[in-house]
Amino acid sequence: MPAVSALFLTKLKIGLVMSRKLRYNISCRKMLKAFDISHGQRFKFKNSS
């Protein structure tokens, strides 16, 4: 029983770390996408003027 609970705890820790990394990656991607969009609009504006 103790071995099983230890394994479960390590899995839980790994899961938390992975989800945190995933959330971090998602937020980074959102920021990059927003930056790309604003940059693209600025670029288009420069080209059109």
C-alpha atoms as a PDB file:
ATOM      1  CA  MET A   1       0.000   0.000   0.000  1.00  0.00           C
ATOM      2  CA  PRO A   2       2.707   2.602   0.844  1.00  0.00           C
ATOM      3  CA  ALA A   3       4.486   1.868  -2.440  1.00  0.00           C
ATOM      4  CA  VAL A   4       1.262   2.404  -4.377  1.00  0.00           C
ATOM      5  CA  SER A   5       0.571   5.723  -2.649  1.00  0.00           C
ATOM      6  CA  ALA A   6       4.172   6.858  -3.312  1.00  0.00           C
ATOM      7  CA  LEU A   7       3.764   6.006  -6.997  1.00  0.00           C
ATOM      8  CA  PHE A   8       0.452   7.850  -7.066  1.00  0.00           C
ATOM      9  CA  LEU A   9       2.058  10.917  -5.454  1.00  0.00           C
ATOM     10  CA  THR A  10       4.916  10.961  -7.957  1.00  0.00           C
ATOM     11  CA  LYS A  11       2.402  10.647 -10.816  1.00  0.00           C
ATOM     12  CA  LEU A  12       0.398  13.489  -9.299  1.00  0.00           C
ATOM     13  CA  LYS A  13       3.536  15.655  -9.024  1.00  0.00           C
ATOM     14  CA  ILE A  14       4.497  14.885 -12.628  1.00  0.00           C
ATOM     15  CA  GLY A  15       0.965  15.695 -13.745  1.00  0.00           C
ATOM     16  CA  LEU A  16       1.017  19.033 -11.911  1.00  0.00           C
ATOM     17  CA  VAL A  17       4.392  19.960 -13.396  1.00  0.00           C
ATOM     18  CA  MET A  18       3.252  18.958 -16.889  1.00  0.00           C
ATOM     19  CA  SER A  19      -0.013  20.914 -16.633  1.00  0.00           C
ATOM     20  CA  ARG A  20       1.914  23.945 -15.345  1.00  0.00           C
ATOM     21  CA  LYS A  21       4.333  23.697 -18.287  1.00  0.00           C
ATOM     22  CA  LEU A  22       1.406  23.282 -20.669  1.00  0.00           C
ATOM     23  CA  ARG A  23      -0.333  26.361 -19.270  1.00  0.00           C
ATOM     24  CA  TYR A  24       2.938  28.299 -19.517  1.00  0.00           C
ATOM     25  CA  ASN A  25       3.373  27.213 -23.140  1.00  0.00           C
ATOM     26  CA  ILE A  26      -0.219  28.171 -23.959  1.00  0.00           C
ATOM     27  CA  SER A  27       0.187  31.636 -22.416  1.00  0.00           C
ATOM     28  CA  CYS A  28       3.490  32.111 -24.269  1.00  0.00           C
ATOM     29  CA  ARG A  29       1.840  31.107 -27.534  1.00  0.00           C
ATOM     30  CA  LYS A  30      -1.073  33.485 -26.907  1.00  0.00           C
ATOM     31  CA  MET A  31       1.371  36.317 -26.243  1.00  0.00           C
ATOM     32  CA  LEU A  32       3.380  35.462 -29.355  1.00  0.00           C
ATOM     33  CA  LYS A  33       0.216  35.260 -31.441  1.00  0.00           C
ATOM     34  CA  ALA A  34      -1.001  38.618 -30.127  1.00  0.00           C
ATOM     35  CA  PHE A  35       2.423  40.108 -30.867  1.00  0.00           C
ATOM     36  CA  ASP A  36       2.379  38.607 -34.381  1.00  0.00           C
ATOM     37  CA  ILE A  37      -1.105  40.011 -35.017  1.00  0.00           C
ATOM     38  CA  SER A  38      -0.209  43.522 -33.823  1.00  0.00           C
ATOM     39  CA  HIS A  39       3.088  43.391 -35.707  1.00  0.00           C
ATOM     40  CA  GLY A  40       1.331  42.172 -38.855  1.00  0.00           C
ATOM     41  CA  GLN A  41      -1.245  44.964 -38.645  1.00  0.00           C
ATOM     42  CA  ARG A  42       1.521  47.540 -38.210  1.00  0.00           C
ATOM     43  CA  PHE A  43       3.362  46.051 -41.175  1.00  0.00           C
ATOM     44  CA  LYS A  44       0.214  46.135 -43.331  1.00  0.00           C
ATOM     45  CA  PHE A  45      -0.433  49.711 -42.268  1.00  0.00           C
ATOM     46  CA  LYS A  46       3.115  50.719 -43.257  1.00  0.00           C
ATOM     47  CA  ASN A  47       2.732  48.988 -46.623  1.00  0.00           C
ATOM     48  CA  SER A  48      -0.654  50.523 -47.404  1.00  0.00           C
ATOM     49  CA  SER A  49       0.358  54.096 -46.531  1.00  0.00           C
END
